[in-house]
Amino acid sequence: MVEDMQLHGLSRSTQQAYVHSIVKLAKYYHKSPDLLSEEELRQYFLDLTQQQKVSHSTATVDLCAIKFFFQTTLQRPWPSLQLMRPPKHQKLPVVLSREEVHRLLSAIRLPVYRACLSTIYSCGLRLSEGAFLKVQAIDSARMMVRVLGKGSQERDVPLPERTLGLLREFWRTHRSPEWLFPARLRPDGSSQPVRPKNVQKAFGRALHQSGIPKAAHVHTLRHSYGTHLLEAGVNLRVIQCLLGHRSPRTTALYTHLTPQVIESVSHTLNQLVSAL
């Protein structure tokens, strides 16, 4: 299965998530998953969604992993796999205000995490995209960052001057020739990138210390970036390109009613009905 995922070009994090899902399936029935019947698979997914009531995202990952394992690796195109669907519900993302983003980033003590999370917000990056940024990705002449996103798709995003200054200041403290946010330099001068889990922990500590009463996580910075651009009047299609969304429906999630959007709509509506 791992070899098949590699041949399909799935990212390392996706491979790990898929393997974890199949391991859960094997533990559920206490036997190798290739020995399961179609009916056992059907009952497992029913239990997953109806009894365990896992989140939509978890159910989606588990379903994708199961379909990949049985359809691609085992070559079993069972009808039940086509019937399985994660429970549908649309949940608006948590969004931080600009002031809350500033408070949160200011509460981060270690420079590596502050620089990494500041870059994630100011460039609208996913956690892995930010943690694994390389020095060569920064194009200071064009003020752009070359991002390697999902499915190995590259995109360029604008680099704010303030962020470039922060990155240069932090780089002088480690001078890694490869990674913008190295975890630790080795004696031979080589390094490894900061671990995403550690970035998540730093975010959680800062969220608690800042006293922001929201169920936020690192990805919330990306949601906030998209929402703040929309509030500032940036076209939704442009935001889609900056975030690397393949479908405009994903970006449309940011059109939820924030206070700034409500104020703008109210002003327009008042103008429309003023002559009635």
Protein backbone atom coordinates (compact mmCIF):
# COMPACT_ATOMS: atom_id res chain seq x y z
CA MET A 1 0.00 0.00 0.00
CA VAL A 2 2.82 2.39 0.87
CA GLU A 3 4.48 1.68 -2.46
CA ASP A 4 1.19 2.29 -4.29
CA MET A 5 0.78 5.63 -2.49
CA GLN A 6 4.30 6.60 -3.45
CA LEU A 7 3.59 5.74 -7.09
CA HIS A 8 0.45 7.90 -6.93
CA GLY A 9 2.50 10.82 -5.62
CA LEU A 10 0.66 11.16 -2.30
CA SER A 11 2.41 13.36 0.24
CA ARG A 12 4.18 11.90 3.26
CA SER A 13 1.53 13.24 5.64
CA THR A 14 -1.27 11.72 3.53
CA GLN A 15 0.53 8.37 3.47
CA GLN A 16 0.87 8.42 7.25
CA ALA A 17 -2.81 9.32 7.70
CA TYR A 18 -3.94 6.53 5.34
CA VAL A 19 -1.77 3.92 7.04
CA HIS A 20 -3.11 5.03 10.43
CA SER A 21 -6.69 4.56 9.17
CA ILE A 22 -5.98 1.03 7.91
CA VAL A 23 -4.27 0.16 11.19
CA LYS A 24 -7.46 1.23 13.02
CA LEU A 25 -9.48 -1.01 10.72
CA ALA A 26 -7.18 -4.00 11.39
CA LYS A 27 -7.32 -3.45 15.16
CA TYR A 28 -11.13 -3.18 15.05
CA TYR A 29 -11.46 -6.71 13.65
CA HIS A 30 -8.19 -8.09 15.11
CA LYS A 31 -7.02 -9.42 11.77
CA SER A 32 -5.20 -8.38 8.63
CA PRO A 33 -7.39 -5.97 6.64
CA ASP A 34 -6.93 -7.92 3.38
CA LEU A 35 -8.89 -10.79 5.00
CA LEU A 36 -11.99 -8.64 5.57
CA SER A 37 -15.20 -9.22 3.66
CA GLU A 38 -17.23 -6.53 1.97
CA GLU A 39 -19.95 -6.85 4.62
CA GLU A 40 -17.41 -6.42 7.44
CA LEU A 41 -16.13 -3.28 5.74
CA ARG A 42 -19.68 -1.95 5.41
CA GLN A 43 -20.43 -2.59 9.09
CA TYR A 44 -17.18 -0.93 10.15
CA PHE A 45 -18.00 2.28 8.33
CA LEU A 46 -21.53 2.26 9.76
CA ASP A 47 -20.09 1.93 13.26
CA LEU A 48 -17.55 4.66 12.51
CA THR A 49 -20.18 7.21 11.47
CA GLN A 50 -23.30 6.14 13.40
CA GLN A 51 -21.95 4.81 16.70
CA GLN A 52 -18.53 6.38 17.17
CA LYS A 53 -19.76 9.54 15.42
CA VAL A 54 -16.30 10.60 14.32
CA SER A 55 -15.86 14.06 12.82
CA HIS A 56 -16.48 14.73 9.15
CA SER A 57 -12.76 15.19 8.48
CA THR A 58 -11.82 11.92 10.23
CA ALA A 59 -14.53 9.99 8.39
CA THR A 60 -13.35 11.45 5.09
CA VAL A 61 -9.71 10.47 5.67
CA ASP A 62 -10.71 6.97 6.83
CA LEU A 63 -12.96 6.48 3.80
CA CYS A 64 -10.29 7.68 1.36
CA ALA A 65 -7.75 5.35 2.98
CA ILE A 66 -10.13 2.38 2.86
CA LYS A 67 -11.01 3.03 -0.79
CA PHE A 68 -7.35 3.35 -1.72
CA PHE A 69 -6.39 0.13 0.06
CA PHE A 70 -9.20 -2.02 -1.33
CA GLN A 71 -9.62 -0.51 -4.79
CA THR A 72 -6.01 0.30 -5.65
CA THR A 73 -3.81 -2.05 -3.64
CA LEU A 74 -6.12 -5.08 -3.43
CA GLN A 75 -7.94 -4.39 -6.71
CA ARG A 76 -11.37 -5.03 -5.16
CA PRO A 77 -13.94 -2.60 -6.66
CA TRP A 78 -16.70 -3.58 -4.22
CA PRO A 79 -20.12 -1.88 -4.69
CA SER A 80 -20.30 -0.93 -1.00
CA LEU A 81 -17.27 1.33 -1.43
CA GLN A 82 -19.28 3.46 -3.85
CA LEU A 83 -22.13 3.79 -1.36
CA MET A 84 -20.00 4.95 1.56
CA ARG A 85 -20.12 8.70 2.17
CA PRO A 86 -18.95 10.71 5.19
CA PRO A 87 -21.76 12.51 7.03
CA LYS A 88 -22.56 15.84 5.41
CA HIS A 89 -22.51 18.97 7.48
CA GLN A 90 -21.14 22.39 6.72
CA LYS A 91 -19.20 23.90 9.57
CA LEU A 92 -17.92 27.44 9.42
CA PRO A 93 -14.22 27.73 10.23
CA VAL A 94 -12.98 29.50 13.32
CA VAL A 95 -11.54 32.88 12.36
CA LEU A 96 -9.34 35.18 14.41
CA SER A 97 -9.62 38.93 14.12
CA ARG A 98 -6.52 40.90 13.13
CA GLU A 99 -6.09 42.03 16.71
CA GLU A 100 -6.36 38.43 17.96
CA VAL A 101 -3.74 37.26 15.44
CA HIS A 102 -1.38 39.96 16.71
CA ARG A 103 -2.03 38.98 20.34
CA LEU A 104 -1.44 35.32 19.64
CA LEU A 105 1.78 35.76 17.66
CA SER A 106 3.10 38.15 20.30
CA ALA A 107 2.60 35.45 22.95
CA ILE A 108 4.97 33.01 21.19
CA ARG A 109 8.33 33.05 22.96
CA LEU A 110 10.70 30.87 20.94
CA PRO A 111 11.88 32.70 17.79
CA VAL A 112 11.62 29.63 15.52
CA TYR A 113 7.93 29.17 16.27
CA ARG A 114 7.17 32.89 16.15
CA ALA A 115 8.84 33.22 12.75
CA CYS A 116 7.19 30.07 11.40
CA LEU A 117 3.65 30.92 12.55
CA SER A 118 3.99 34.55 11.46
CA THR A 119 4.95 33.33 7.98
CA ILE A 120 2.07 30.84 7.93
CA TYR A 121 -0.40 33.66 8.62
CA SER A 122 1.11 36.35 6.41
CA CYS A 123 1.39 33.98 3.42
CA GLY A 124 -1.73 31.89 4.01
CA LEU A 125 0.15 28.60 4.31
CA ARG A 126 -0.81 25.17 5.52
CA LEU A 127 1.16 23.90 8.52
CA SER A 128 3.36 21.55 6.49
CA GLU A 129 3.93 24.20 3.81
CA GLY A 130 5.25 26.60 6.43
CA ALA A 131 7.29 24.15 8.50
CA PHE A 132 9.08 22.76 5.44
CA LEU A 133 9.85 26.05 3.70
CA LYS A 134 13.34 26.15 2.24
CA VAL A 135 15.66 29.15 1.98
CA GLN A 136 15.60 28.94 -1.83
CA ALA A 137 11.82 29.39 -1.81
CA ILE A 138 12.22 33.06 -0.93
CA ASP A 139 12.43 35.38 -3.95
CA SER A 140 13.20 38.74 -2.39
CA ALA A 141 13.61 40.41 -5.80
CA ARG A 142 10.01 39.65 -6.72
CA MET A 143 8.81 39.61 -3.10
CA MET A 144 7.28 36.17 -3.60
CA VAL A 145 7.44 32.77 -1.90
CA ARG A 146 7.42 29.53 -3.93
CA VAL A 147 5.20 27.11 -1.99
CA LEU A 148 5.04 23.36 -2.50
CA GLY A 149 1.43 22.51 -1.72
CA LYS A 150 -0.88 19.51 -1.82
CA GLY A 151 -0.25 17.01 -4.57
CA SER A 152 3.20 18.55 -5.16
CA GLN A 153 1.49 21.56 -6.76
CA GLU A 154 3.65 24.69 -6.66
CA ARG A 155 2.27 28.20 -6.32
CA ASP A 156 3.69 31.67 -5.74
CA VAL A 157 2.31 33.85 -2.96
CA PRO A 158 3.17 37.47 -2.14
CA LEU A 159 5.75 38.02 0.58
CA PRO A 160 5.03 41.02 2.81
CA GLU A 161 8.02 43.27 3.52
CA ARG A 162 7.54 42.88 7.26
CA THR A 163 7.67 39.09 6.92
CA LEU A 164 10.82 39.24 4.79
CA GLY A 165 12.49 41.36 7.47
CA LEU A 166 11.42 38.88 10.15
CA LEU A 167 12.76 35.94 8.12
CA ARG A 168 16.12 37.65 7.53
CA GLU A 169 16.44 38.54 11.18
CA PHE A 170 15.70 34.97 12.24
CA TRP A 171 17.96 33.41 9.59
CA ARG A 172 20.94 35.31 10.99
CA THR A 173 20.49 33.35 14.23
CA HIS A 174 20.96 29.92 12.61
CA ARG A 175 22.22 30.47 9.00
CA SER A 176 20.93 27.11 7.81
CA PRO A 177 21.75 26.71 4.09
CA GLU A 178 18.56 24.74 3.48
CA TRP A 179 15.68 25.26 5.91
CA LEU A 180 14.07 28.54 6.93
CA PHE A 181 12.92 27.03 10.22
CA PRO A 182 15.47 24.38 11.26
CA ALA A 183 14.84 22.31 14.36
CA ARG A 184 18.49 22.01 15.24
CA LEU A 185 21.79 22.36 13.43
CA ARG A 186 23.99 19.26 13.41
CA PRO A 187 27.77 19.38 13.98
CA ASP A 188 28.34 18.94 10.25
CA GLY A 189 26.21 21.98 9.52
CA SER A 190 23.19 20.05 8.20
CA SER A 191 19.75 20.41 9.73
CA GLN A 192 16.20 19.10 9.78
CA PRO A 193 13.07 21.28 9.53
CA VAL A 194 11.05 22.06 12.60
CA ARG A 195 8.49 19.35 13.44
CA PRO A 196 4.87 20.32 12.66
CA LYS A 197 3.71 18.79 15.94
CA ASN A 198 6.00 21.13 17.87
CA VAL A 199 4.63 24.10 15.92
CA GLN A 200 1.12 22.99 16.89
CA LYS A 201 2.11 22.77 20.55
CA ALA A 202 3.64 26.25 20.44
CA PHE A 203 0.43 27.59 18.90
CA GLY A 204 -1.66 25.93 21.61
CA ARG A 205 0.44 27.44 24.39
CA ALA A 206 0.25 30.89 22.82
CA LEU A 207 -3.52 30.60 22.37
CA HIS A 208 -3.92 29.77 26.06
CA GLN A 209 -1.58 32.53 27.21
CA SER A 210 -3.24 35.14 25.01
CA GLY A 211 -6.63 34.39 26.56
CA ILE A 212 -8.42 34.10 23.22
CA PRO A 213 -11.61 32.06 23.88
CA LYS A 214 -11.76 30.30 20.51
CA ALA A 215 -11.18 26.68 19.46
CA ALA A 216 -8.38 27.71 17.13
CA HIS A 217 -5.50 25.71 15.71
CA VAL A 218 -2.64 26.42 13.30
CA HIS A 219 -4.92 26.08 10.27
CA THR A 220 -7.04 28.88 11.76
CA LEU A 221 -4.28 31.29 10.73
CA ARG A 222 -4.85 30.25 7.10
CA HIS A 223 -8.61 30.70 7.47
CA SER A 224 -8.01 34.12 9.02
CA TYR A 225 -5.67 35.10 6.16
CA GLY A 226 -8.34 34.27 3.56
CA THR A 227 -11.07 36.03 5.53
CA HIS A 228 -9.00 39.17 6.13
CA LEU A 229 -8.18 39.40 2.41
CA LEU A 230 -11.87 39.07 1.57
CA GLU A 231 -12.76 41.76 4.09
CA ALA A 232 -10.16 44.02 2.47
CA GLY A 233 -11.92 43.64 -0.89
CA VAL A 234 -9.61 41.10 -2.57
CA ASN A 235 -11.40 39.13 -5.31
CA LEU A 236 -12.42 35.61 -4.31
CA ARG A 237 -10.75 34.13 -7.40
CA VAL A 238 -7.45 35.76 -6.41
CA ILE A 239 -7.77 34.35 -2.88
CA GLN A 240 -8.38 30.91 -4.40
CA CYS A 241 -5.08 31.12 -6.28
CA LEU A 242 -3.18 32.38 -3.23
CA LEU A 243 -4.48 29.55 -1.06
CA GLY A 244 -3.95 26.90 -3.72
CA HIS A 245 -7.56 25.70 -3.73
CA ARG A 246 -8.47 23.58 -6.73
CA SER A 247 -12.19 24.29 -6.40
CA PRO A 248 -13.76 27.74 -5.92
CA ARG A 249 -16.31 26.09 -3.62
CA THR A 250 -13.56 25.57 -1.05
CA THR A 251 -12.63 29.25 -1.14
CA ALA A 252 -16.30 30.25 -0.99
CA LEU A 253 -16.27 29.08 2.62
CA TYR A 254 -14.66 32.44 3.47
CA THR A 255 -17.77 34.34 2.38
CA HIS A 256 -19.39 33.70 5.75
CA LEU A 257 -20.66 36.82 7.46
CA THR A 258 -17.92 38.50 9.45
CA PRO A 259 -18.64 41.86 11.13
CA GLN A 260 -16.82 43.73 8.36
CA VAL A 261 -18.77 41.94 5.64
CA ILE A 262 -22.07 42.52 7.46
CA GLU A 263 -21.27 46.24 7.75
CA SER A 264 -20.49 46.43 4.03
CA VAL A 265 -23.67 44.56 3.06
CA SER A 266 -25.80 46.69 5.39
CA HIS A 267 -24.42 49.88 3.84
CA THR A 268 -25.17 48.61 0.33
CA LEU A 269 -28.67 47.46 1.28
CA ASN A 270 -29.47 50.83 2.85
CA GLN A 271 -28.50 52.49 -0.41
CA LEU A 272 -30.65 50.09 -2.43
CA VAL A 273 -33.81 50.65 -0.39
CA SER A 274 -33.35 54.34 0.39
CA ALA A 275 -35.71 55.37 -2.43
CA LEU A 276 -38.49 52.92 -1.59
